[in-house]
């Protein structure tokens, strides 16, 4: 669900799963009950068009769209997986399925590359952020968010002199 006007929403993958995980696992399409048979190349093209159309609609209606691809290297991912296994407080984050998906690394990278190329638009740009160093990644994402939000000219609402005077009276009554 998109946030109401004036609110911020954060989506983790969301509609992009349909051109990432499903592209790597086309067998998932069997359960989607698609209305017609369609060659895969055409299906991905249509899905990218739908994503672009949806994001274009949001942008035309005042939504600022920022998309971040947090690019973790295969080496760093392996390191993180090992830590999740070695540390009891991280065990909950690891699943055997992670290793099965890791074996498909190259296919995922191809899917990400195709999705980013097809859906990065002026109104909804992708930012590919190196994510091996979490502090750098977080600082970079935060900086991009702040920079982009500052272009919106957002300000706190002016409550007016009468309300300010009321608040001063209320403040004085607080013991």
Foldseek 3Di string as FASTA:
>chain_A
DDDDPPDDDDDDCPLVCCLFVCQLVVVVVVVVPDVDDDPPVVVNLVSLVVLQVVLVVCLVVPDQAEAEAADEDLVLVVVVQVCLVVDPVNVVVDDPVVVVVSVSVVSNVVSVVVSQVSRADPRHHYDYHHPSPPVRRVVVVVVVVVVVVVVVPDDDDDPDDVVVVVVVVVVVPDD
